[in-house]
Amino acid sequence: MSSPIDTSSSKSYMDFSGLGELRGKAQQNQDKALKESAQQFEGLFIQMMMKSMREANAPMKDEDNQSQAMETFEGMFDKEISLQMSKRGAMGVGAFMERAVKQQGTPQPSTEALLKARGKGMPLNPKQEPVALPSAADLAKGILMDKPARIKSLQEFKMPFSGGVK
């Protein structure tokens, strides 16, 4: 029977030998090392988030269950949960970091290449058609309505604004 939890021992960001091993992997295979370091970053992020949540919840704990041993256990539990969540990519922070680092490594295309790829550019001074303005006689007449609005009561006036409810 296989366990859904990955129990393989992984080198942590807190382990100096793990950092050295990661540096060696980076020299051999940068993509794999980038993925692992992004995963460890996500684990650290999740662990810090869980620690902040526990600290925010501290005033609600009962006094009988508060002890140094319990806090140590909770810290170890949070670390293990954060490692398992980061291995699964639960929050996507590691994948985001990996994409961002890869994107920084690729050279940005020049402005000329972007304009050629886009096709025809937008003119800076487009031709503008003149807009006909009303004459002084039209302005003197005022705005003419097809039918004069006859409002009998205040309720009738409010009706379009209240959704038809009187």
N, C-alpha and C. Protein backbone atom coordinates (compact mmCIF):
# COMPACT_ATOMS: atom_id res chain seq x y z
N MET A 1 0.85 -1.18 0.00
CA MET A 1 0.00 0.00 0.00
C MET A 1 0.89 1.24 0.00
N SER A 2 0.65 2.14 -0.94
CA SER A 2 1.50 3.32 -1.03
C SER A 2 0.87 4.48 -0.27
N SER A 3 1.73 5.27 0.30
CA SER A 3 1.29 6.40 1.11
C SER A 3 1.19 7.64 0.21
N PRO A 4 0.16 8.47 0.34
CA PRO A 4 0.06 9.68 -0.46
C PRO A 4 1.06 10.75 -0.02
N ILE A 5 1.69 10.54 1.12
CA ILE A 5 2.66 11.51 1.64
C ILE A 5 4.05 11.07 1.23
N ASP A 6 4.80 12.00 0.69
CA ASP A 6 6.17 11.73 0.26
C ASP A 6 7.07 11.67 1.50
N THR A 7 7.58 10.49 1.81
CA THR A 7 8.40 10.33 3.01
C THR A 7 9.88 10.31 2.70
N SER A 8 10.26 10.59 1.45
CA SER A 8 11.68 10.62 1.13
C SER A 8 12.33 11.80 1.83
N SER A 9 13.54 11.57 2.27
CA SER A 9 14.21 12.64 3.01
C SER A 9 14.73 13.65 2.01
N SER A 10 14.26 14.86 2.12
CA SER A 10 14.72 15.92 1.22
C SER A 10 15.58 16.88 2.01
N LYS A 11 16.54 17.45 1.32
CA LYS A 11 17.41 18.42 1.96
C LYS A 11 16.64 19.72 2.11
N SER A 12 16.74 20.30 3.26
CA SER A 12 15.98 21.49 3.58
C SER A 12 16.82 22.74 3.33
N TYR A 13 16.16 23.86 3.22
CA TYR A 13 16.82 25.14 3.10
C TYR A 13 17.59 25.49 4.37
N MET A 14 17.28 24.81 5.48
CA MET A 14 17.93 25.09 6.75
C MET A 14 19.18 24.22 6.96
N ASP A 15 19.42 23.30 6.06
CA ASP A 15 20.53 22.36 6.19
C ASP A 15 21.67 22.82 5.28
N PHE A 16 22.87 23.08 5.85
CA PHE A 16 24.00 23.57 5.07
C PHE A 16 24.47 22.56 4.04
N SER A 17 24.43 21.29 4.37
CA SER A 17 24.83 20.28 3.38
C SER A 17 23.82 20.24 2.24
N GLY A 18 22.56 20.49 2.54
CA GLY A 18 21.54 20.56 1.50
C GLY A 18 21.77 21.72 0.56
N LEU A 19 22.23 22.85 1.09
CA LEU A 19 22.53 24.01 0.25
C LEU A 19 23.72 23.72 -0.66
N GLY A 20 24.73 23.06 -0.11
CA GLY A 20 25.89 22.68 -0.91
C GLY A 20 25.51 21.71 -2.02
N GLU A 21 24.64 20.77 -1.67
CA GLU A 21 24.18 19.80 -2.67
C GLU A 21 23.37 20.50 -3.76
N LEU A 22 22.56 21.45 -3.37
CA LEU A 22 21.78 22.20 -4.34
C LEU A 22 22.69 23.02 -5.26
N ARG A 23 23.74 23.59 -4.71
CA ARG A 23 24.70 24.34 -5.52
C ARG A 23 25.39 23.44 -6.54
N GLY A 24 25.71 22.21 -6.11
CA GLY A 24 26.31 21.25 -7.04
C GLY A 24 25.34 20.86 -8.14
N LYS A 25 24.06 20.68 -7.80
CA LYS A 25 23.04 20.36 -8.81
C LYS A 25 22.88 21.51 -9.80
N ALA A 26 22.99 22.74 -9.30
CA ALA A 26 22.81 23.90 -10.17
C ALA A 26 23.89 23.96 -11.23
N GLN A 27 25.10 23.49 -10.90
CA GLN A 27 26.17 23.49 -11.89
C GLN A 27 25.95 22.40 -12.94
N GLN A 28 25.28 21.32 -12.56
CA GLN A 28 25.04 20.22 -13.50
C GLN A 28 23.75 20.44 -14.30
N ASN A 29 22.66 20.74 -13.62
CA ASN A 29 21.36 20.88 -14.27
C ASN A 29 20.63 22.05 -13.64
N GLN A 30 20.66 23.18 -14.32
CA GLN A 30 20.08 24.40 -13.75
C GLN A 30 18.56 24.32 -13.60
N ASP A 31 17.89 23.69 -14.54
CA ASP A 31 16.43 23.62 -14.47
C ASP A 31 15.96 22.82 -13.26
N LYS A 32 16.63 21.70 -13.01
CA LYS A 32 16.24 20.87 -11.87
C LYS A 32 16.54 21.59 -10.55
N ALA A 33 17.68 22.25 -10.49
CA ALA A 33 18.04 22.99 -9.28
C ALA A 33 17.10 24.17 -9.06
N LEU A 34 16.70 24.82 -10.15
CA LEU A 34 15.76 25.94 -10.03
C LEU A 34 14.42 25.46 -9.51
N LYS A 35 13.96 24.31 -10.01
CA LYS A 35 12.68 23.76 -9.56
C LYS A 35 12.75 23.41 -8.07
N GLU A 36 13.86 22.80 -7.64
CA GLU A 36 14.00 22.42 -6.24
C GLU A 36 14.09 23.63 -5.33
N SER A 37 14.85 24.65 -5.76
CA SER A 37 14.96 25.84 -4.91
C SER A 37 13.64 26.61 -4.85
N ALA A 38 12.88 26.63 -5.95
CA ALA A 38 11.56 27.27 -5.93
C ALA A 38 10.62 26.50 -5.01
N GLN A 39 10.74 25.18 -5.01
CA GLN A 39 9.92 24.35 -4.13
C GLN A 39 10.28 24.62 -2.67
N GLN A 40 11.57 24.74 -2.37
CA GLN A 40 11.98 25.05 -1.00
C GLN A 40 11.53 26.44 -0.58
N PHE A 41 11.56 27.38 -1.53
CA PHE A 41 11.08 28.72 -1.23
C PHE A 41 9.60 28.68 -0.87
N GLU A 42 8.82 27.92 -1.64
CA GLU A 42 7.39 27.78 -1.34
C GLU A 42 7.18 27.16 0.03
N GLY A 43 8.01 26.16 0.37
CA GLY A 43 7.92 25.55 1.69
C GLY A 43 8.19 26.55 2.80
N LEU A 44 9.21 27.37 2.62
CA LEU A 44 9.53 28.39 3.61
C LEU A 44 8.40 29.41 3.72
N PHE A 45 7.84 29.79 2.59
CA PHE A 45 6.73 30.74 2.58
C PHE A 45 5.52 30.18 3.34
N ILE A 46 5.18 28.93 3.06
CA ILE A 46 4.03 28.31 3.72
C ILE A 46 4.29 28.18 5.22
N GLN A 47 5.53 27.80 5.58
CA GLN A 47 5.87 27.65 7.00
C GLN A 47 5.75 28.98 7.73
N MET A 48 6.22 30.06 7.12
CA MET A 48 6.12 31.38 7.75
C MET A 48 4.66 31.81 7.87
N MET A 49 3.87 31.47 6.88
CA MET A 49 2.45 31.81 6.92
C MET A 49 1.75 31.05 8.05
N MET A 50 2.08 29.77 8.19
CA MET A 50 1.46 28.97 9.26
C MET A 50 1.91 29.46 10.64
N LYS A 51 3.18 29.86 10.74
CA LYS A 51 3.68 30.39 12.01
C LYS A 51 2.94 31.67 12.39
N SER A 52 2.70 32.53 11.41
CA SER A 52 1.95 33.77 11.67
C SER A 52 0.52 33.48 12.08
N MET A 53 -0.07 32.46 11.47
CA MET A 53 -1.44 32.10 11.85
C MET A 53 -1.48 31.56 13.28
N ARG A 54 -0.50 30.77 13.65
CA ARG A 54 -0.45 30.24 15.03
C ARG A 54 -0.27 31.39 16.03
N GLU A 55 0.61 32.35 15.70
CA GLU A 55 0.83 33.48 16.60
C GLU A 55 -0.43 34.34 16.73
N ALA A 56 -1.16 34.48 15.65
CA ALA A 56 -2.40 35.26 15.71
C ALA A 56 -3.46 34.55 16.54
N ASN A 57 -3.39 33.24 16.58
CA ASN A 57 -4.36 32.45 17.32
C ASN A 57 -3.95 32.23 18.78
N ALA A 58 -2.75 32.66 19.16
CA ALA A 58 -2.23 32.42 20.50
C ALA A 58 -3.14 32.95 21.62
N PRO A 59 -3.76 34.11 21.51
CA PRO A 59 -4.62 34.58 22.60
C PRO A 59 -5.83 33.69 22.85
N MET A 60 -6.20 32.88 21.88
CA MET A 60 -7.39 32.03 22.03
C MET A 60 -7.07 30.67 22.64
N LYS A 61 -5.79 30.36 22.84
CA LYS A 61 -5.42 29.06 23.41
C LYS A 61 -5.76 29.04 24.90
N ASP A 62 -6.14 27.87 25.37
CA ASP A 62 -6.39 27.76 26.81
C ASP A 62 -5.06 27.53 27.52
N GLU A 63 -4.99 27.92 28.75
CA GLU A 63 -3.75 27.90 29.51
C GLU A 63 -3.27 26.49 29.82
N ASP A 64 -4.16 25.53 29.85
CA ASP A 64 -3.78 24.16 30.17
C ASP A 64 -2.93 23.52 29.08
N ASN A 65 -3.15 23.91 27.82
CA ASN A 65 -2.44 23.28 26.70
C ASN A 65 -1.25 24.09 26.19
N GLN A 66 -0.87 25.14 26.89
CA GLN A 66 0.28 25.93 26.47
C GLN A 66 1.52 25.43 27.19
N SER A 67 2.51 25.02 26.41
CA SER A 67 3.79 24.62 26.99
C SER A 67 4.86 24.75 25.91
N GLN A 68 6.11 24.73 26.34
CA GLN A 68 7.22 24.82 25.41
C GLN A 68 7.25 23.59 24.51
N ALA A 69 6.93 22.44 25.07
CA ALA A 69 6.93 21.20 24.28
C ALA A 69 5.85 21.25 23.21
N MET A 70 4.69 21.77 23.56
CA MET A 70 3.60 21.87 22.58
C MET A 70 3.97 22.82 21.45
N GLU A 71 4.59 23.95 21.77
CA GLU A 71 5.02 24.90 20.75
C GLU A 71 6.07 24.28 19.83
N THR A 72 6.98 23.49 20.40
CA THR A 72 8.00 22.80 19.60
C THR A 72 7.35 21.80 18.67
N PHE A 73 6.41 21.04 19.18
CA PHE A 73 5.70 20.07 18.36
C PHE A 73 4.94 20.76 17.23
N GLU A 74 4.26 21.86 17.54
CA GLU A 74 3.52 22.58 16.51
C GLU A 74 4.45 23.13 15.45
N GLY A 75 5.63 23.62 15.84
CA GLY A 75 6.61 24.12 14.88
C GLY A 75 7.09 23.02 13.95
N MET A 76 7.38 21.83 14.52
CA MET A 76 7.82 20.70 13.70
C MET A 76 6.69 20.25 12.78
N PHE A 77 5.47 20.22 13.29
CA PHE A 77 4.32 19.82 12.49
C PHE A 77 4.12 20.79 11.33
N ASP A 78 4.20 22.09 11.62
CA ASP A 78 4.04 23.09 10.56
C ASP A 78 5.13 22.95 9.50
N LYS A 79 6.36 22.67 9.93
CA LYS A 79 7.45 22.51 8.97
C LYS A 79 7.19 21.32 8.06
N GLU A 80 6.76 20.21 8.62
CA GLU A 80 6.49 19.02 7.81
C GLU A 80 5.31 19.24 6.87
N ILE A 81 4.26 19.86 7.36
CA ILE A 81 3.10 20.16 6.51
C ILE A 81 3.51 21.09 5.37
N SER A 82 4.32 22.10 5.68
CA SER A 82 4.73 23.05 4.64
C SER A 82 5.60 22.36 3.59
N LEU A 83 6.46 21.44 4.01
CA LEU A 83 7.28 20.70 3.03
C LEU A 83 6.40 19.83 2.13
N GLN A 84 5.43 19.15 2.71
CA GLN A 84 4.55 18.29 1.91
C GLN A 84 3.70 19.14 0.95
N MET A 85 3.22 20.28 1.43
CA MET A 85 2.42 21.14 0.56
C MET A 85 3.26 21.70 -0.58
N SER A 86 4.51 22.06 -0.29
CA SER A 86 5.36 22.61 -1.35
C SER A 86 5.73 21.55 -2.37
N LYS A 87 5.88 20.29 -1.93
CA LYS A 87 6.19 19.22 -2.89
C LYS A 87 5.04 19.02 -3.87
N ARG A 88 3.83 19.24 -3.40
CA ARG A 88 2.66 19.09 -4.26
C ARG A 88 2.36 20.36 -5.05
N GLY A 89 3.03 21.46 -4.72
CA GLY A 89 2.75 22.73 -5.39
C GLY A 89 1.38 23.25 -5.04
N ALA A 90 1.02 23.12 -3.76
CA ALA A 90 -0.34 23.43 -3.32
C ALA A 90 -0.73 24.89 -3.57
N MET A 91 0.19 25.80 -3.37
CA MET A 91 -0.17 27.22 -3.51
C MET A 91 0.30 27.80 -4.84
N GLY A 92 1.23 27.16 -5.51
CA GLY A 92 1.71 27.64 -6.80
C GLY A 92 2.77 28.72 -6.70
N VAL A 93 3.24 29.01 -5.51
CA VAL A 93 4.26 30.04 -5.34
C VAL A 93 5.57 29.60 -5.98
N GLY A 94 5.92 28.32 -5.79
CA GLY A 94 7.16 27.80 -6.37
C GLY A 94 7.14 27.84 -7.88
N ALA A 95 6.02 27.45 -8.48
CA ALA A 95 5.90 27.48 -9.94
C ALA A 95 5.97 28.91 -10.45
N PHE A 96 5.37 29.83 -9.73
CA PHE A 96 5.43 31.24 -10.11
C PHE A 96 6.87 31.75 -10.06
N MET A 97 7.56 31.43 -8.97
CA MET A 97 8.96 31.86 -8.85
C MET A 97 9.83 31.25 -9.95
N GLU A 98 9.59 29.99 -10.27
CA GLU A 98 10.35 29.31 -11.32
C GLU A 98 10.14 30.01 -12.66
N ARG A 99 8.89 30.33 -12.98
CA ARG A 99 8.61 31.02 -14.25
C ARG A 99 9.25 32.41 -14.27
N ALA A 100 9.19 33.11 -13.14
CA ALA A 100 9.74 34.47 -13.08
C ALA A 100 11.25 34.45 -13.29
N VAL A 101 11.93 33.49 -12.68
CA VAL A 101 13.39 33.41 -12.83
C VAL A 101 13.75 33.02 -14.26
N LYS A 102 13.00 32.09 -14.84
CA LYS A 102 13.27 31.70 -16.23
C LYS A 102 13.02 32.86 -17.18
N GLN A 103 11.99 33.63 -16.90
CA GLN A 103 11.66 34.76 -17.76
C GLN A 103 12.73 35.84 -17.68
N GLN A 104 13.33 36.02 -16.51
CA GLN A 104 14.40 37.01 -16.37
C GLN A 104 15.63 36.60 -17.16
N GLY A 105 15.83 35.30 -17.31
CA GLY A 105 17.00 34.81 -18.03
C GLY A 105 16.89 34.96 -19.53
N THR A 106 15.69 35.03 -20.07
CA THR A 106 15.53 35.18 -21.51
C THR A 106 15.66 36.64 -21.89
N PRO A 107 16.36 36.93 -22.99
CA PRO A 107 16.52 38.33 -23.39
C PRO A 107 15.20 38.90 -23.88
N GLN A 108 14.97 40.15 -23.55
CA GLN A 108 13.75 40.83 -23.97
C GLN A 108 13.88 41.23 -25.44
N PRO A 109 12.83 41.07 -26.24
CA PRO A 109 12.91 41.48 -27.64
C PRO A 109 12.99 43.00 -27.76
N SER A 110 13.60 43.45 -28.83
CA SER A 110 13.74 44.88 -29.03
C SER A 110 12.40 45.49 -29.40
N THR A 111 12.32 46.80 -29.31
CA THR A 111 11.09 47.51 -29.66
C THR A 111 10.77 47.31 -31.13
N GLU A 112 11.80 47.32 -31.96
CA GLU A 112 11.59 47.13 -33.40
C GLU A 112 11.00 45.75 -33.68
N ALA A 113 11.50 44.72 -32.99
CA ALA A 113 10.97 43.36 -33.19
C ALA A 113 9.52 43.27 -32.73
N LEU A 114 9.18 43.93 -31.62
CA LEU A 114 7.81 43.94 -31.14
C LEU A 114 6.87 44.63 -32.13
N LEU A 115 7.32 45.75 -32.71
CA LEU A 115 6.48 46.46 -33.67
C LEU A 115 6.28 45.65 -34.95
N LYS A 116 7.31 44.96 -35.39
CA LYS A 116 7.19 44.11 -36.58
C LYS A 116 6.24 42.95 -36.31
N ALA A 117 6.31 42.39 -35.12
CA ALA A 117 5.44 41.27 -34.78
C ALA A 117 3.98 41.72 -34.67
N ARG A 118 3.77 42.93 -34.24
CA ARG A 118 2.42 43.43 -34.07
C ARG A 118 1.77 43.77 -35.40
N GLY A 119 2.56 44.15 -36.37
CA GLY A 119 2.00 44.51 -37.67
C GLY A 119 1.95 46.01 -37.83
N LYS A 120 0.87 46.47 -38.41
CA LYS A 120 0.71 47.90 -38.68
C LYS A 120 0.59 48.67 -37.37
N GLY A 121 1.37 49.72 -37.25
CA GLY A 121 1.34 50.53 -36.05
C GLY A 121 0.18 51.50 -36.05
N MET A 122 -0.10 52.07 -34.92
CA MET A 122 -1.17 53.03 -34.78
C MET A 122 -0.62 54.41 -35.14
N PRO A 123 -1.31 55.18 -36.00
CA PRO A 123 -0.79 56.50 -36.37
C PRO A 123 -0.79 57.45 -35.17
N LEU A 124 0.24 58.29 -35.12
CA LEU A 124 0.33 59.22 -34.00
C LEU A 124 -0.63 60.40 -34.17
N ASN A 125 -0.87 60.84 -35.42
CA ASN A 125 -1.79 61.94 -35.69
C ASN A 125 -2.88 61.45 -36.63
N PRO A 126 -3.89 60.76 -36.12
CA PRO A 126 -4.94 60.27 -37.02
C PRO A 126 -5.78 61.42 -37.55
N LYS A 127 -6.36 61.22 -38.75
CA LYS A 127 -7.25 62.24 -39.29
C LYS A 127 -8.49 62.32 -38.43
N GLN A 128 -8.89 63.54 -38.14
CA GLN A 128 -10.07 63.73 -37.32
C GLN A 128 -11.15 64.40 -38.14
N GLU A 129 -12.34 63.88 -38.07
CA GLU A 129 -13.48 64.45 -38.78
C GLU A 129 -14.08 65.56 -37.92
N PRO A 130 -14.47 66.65 -38.56
CA PRO A 130 -15.07 67.73 -37.78
C PRO A 130 -16.44 67.32 -37.25
N VAL A 131 -16.76 67.81 -36.09
CA VAL A 131 -18.03 67.53 -35.45
C VAL A 131 -18.94 68.73 -35.67
N ALA A 132 -20.15 68.48 -36.16
CA ALA A 132 -21.10 69.57 -36.40
C ALA A 132 -21.64 70.06 -35.07
N LEU A 133 -21.50 71.34 -34.84
CA LEU A 133 -22.02 71.96 -33.61
C LEU A 133 -23.39 72.56 -33.88
N PRO A 134 -24.23 72.62 -32.89
CA PRO A 134 -25.54 73.23 -33.11
C PRO A 134 -25.40 74.74 -33.33
N SER A 135 -26.30 75.28 -34.13
CA SER A 135 -26.26 76.71 -34.40
C SER A 135 -26.84 77.47 -33.20
N ALA A 136 -26.71 78.79 -33.25
CA ALA A 136 -27.24 79.62 -32.17
C ALA A 136 -28.76 79.52 -32.10
N ALA A 137 -29.40 79.36 -33.26
CA ALA A 137 -30.86 79.24 -33.28
C ALA A 137 -31.29 77.93 -32.62
N ASP A 138 -30.53 76.85 -32.87
CA ASP A 138 -30.85 75.57 -32.24
C ASP A 138 -30.69 75.66 -30.72
N LEU A 139 -29.67 76.36 -30.30
CA LEU A 139 -29.44 76.50 -28.87
C LEU A 139 -30.52 77.35 -28.21
N ALA A 140 -31.01 78.34 -28.94
CA ALA A 140 -32.05 79.21 -28.39
C ALA A 140 -33.35 78.45 -28.20
N LYS A 141 -33.62 77.49 -29.07
CA LYS A 141 -34.85 76.70 -28.97
C LYS A 141 -34.79 75.76 -27.76
N GLY A 142 -33.58 75.36 -27.39
CA GLY A 142 -33.44 74.42 -26.30
C GLY A 142 -33.60 72.99 -26.79
N ILE A 143 -33.61 72.07 -25.90
CA ILE A 143 -33.73 70.67 -26.27
C ILE A 143 -35.20 70.35 -26.46
N LEU A 144 -35.54 69.83 -27.64
CA LEU A 144 -36.91 69.49 -27.93
C LEU A 144 -37.12 68.00 -27.68
N MET A 145 -38.21 67.71 -27.03
CA MET A 145 -38.56 66.31 -26.79
C MET A 145 -39.69 65.94 -27.72
N ASP A 146 -39.76 64.65 -28.08
CA ASP A 146 -40.83 64.19 -28.96
C ASP A 146 -42.19 64.42 -28.29
N LYS A 147 -42.32 63.99 -27.07
CA LYS A 147 -43.57 64.16 -26.33
C LYS A 147 -43.24 64.89 -25.03
N PRO A 148 -44.02 65.82 -24.66
CA PRO A 148 -43.76 66.46 -23.37
C PRO A 148 -44.06 65.46 -22.24
N ALA A 149 -43.20 65.46 -21.27
CA ALA A 149 -43.35 64.54 -20.15
C ALA A 149 -44.39 65.08 -19.19
N ARG A 150 -45.43 64.32 -18.98
CA ARG A 150 -46.48 64.72 -18.06
C ARG A 150 -46.40 63.82 -16.83
N ILE A 151 -45.99 64.37 -15.74
CA ILE A 151 -45.89 63.62 -14.50
C ILE A 151 -47.02 64.07 -13.59
N LYS A 152 -47.84 63.11 -13.18
CA LYS A 152 -49.01 63.44 -12.38
C LYS A 152 -48.69 63.50 -10.88
N SER A 153 -47.77 62.59 -10.47
CA SER A 153 -47.49 62.55 -9.05
C SER A 153 -46.01 62.23 -8.81
N LEU A 154 -45.60 62.38 -7.58
CA LEU A 154 -44.23 62.06 -7.20
C LEU A 154 -43.96 60.56 -7.34
N GLN A 155 -44.96 59.76 -7.06
CA GLN A 155 -44.82 58.30 -7.19
C GLN A 155 -44.51 57.92 -8.63
N GLU A 156 -45.18 58.56 -9.56
CA GLU A 156 -44.97 58.27 -10.97
C GLU A 156 -43.55 58.68 -11.38
N PHE A 157 -43.04 59.74 -10.79
CA PHE A 157 -41.67 60.18 -11.06
C PHE A 157 -40.64 59.20 -10.54
N LYS A 158 -40.89 58.63 -9.35
CA LYS A 158 -39.94 57.69 -8.73
C LYS A 158 -39.95 56.31 -9.36
N MET A 159 -41.02 55.96 -10.06
CA MET A 159 -41.21 54.61 -10.56
C MET A 159 -40.03 54.09 -11.41
N PRO A 160 -39.50 54.83 -12.38
CA PRO A 160 -38.38 54.26 -13.16
C PRO A 160 -37.13 54.03 -12.32
N PHE A 161 -36.97 54.78 -11.24
CA PHE A 161 -35.78 54.66 -10.42
C PHE A 161 -35.89 53.57 -9.36
N SER A 162 -37.10 53.15 -9.06
CA SER A 162 -37.30 52.14 -8.01
C SER A 162 -37.56 50.76 -8.58
N GLY A 163 -37.32 50.56 -9.86
CA GLY A 163 -37.53 49.25 -10.46
C GLY A 163 -38.99 48.95 -10.70
N GLY A 164 -39.81 49.95 -10.83
CA GLY A 164 -41.22 49.74 -11.12
C GLY A 164 -42.08 49.55 -9.89
N VAL A 165 -41.49 49.57 -8.70
CA VAL A 165 -42.25 49.38 -7.47
C VAL A 165 -42.77 50.72 -7.00
N LYS A 166 -44.06 50.80 -6.72
CA LYS A 166 -44.63 52.07 -6.26
C LYS A 166 -44.43 52.25 -4.78
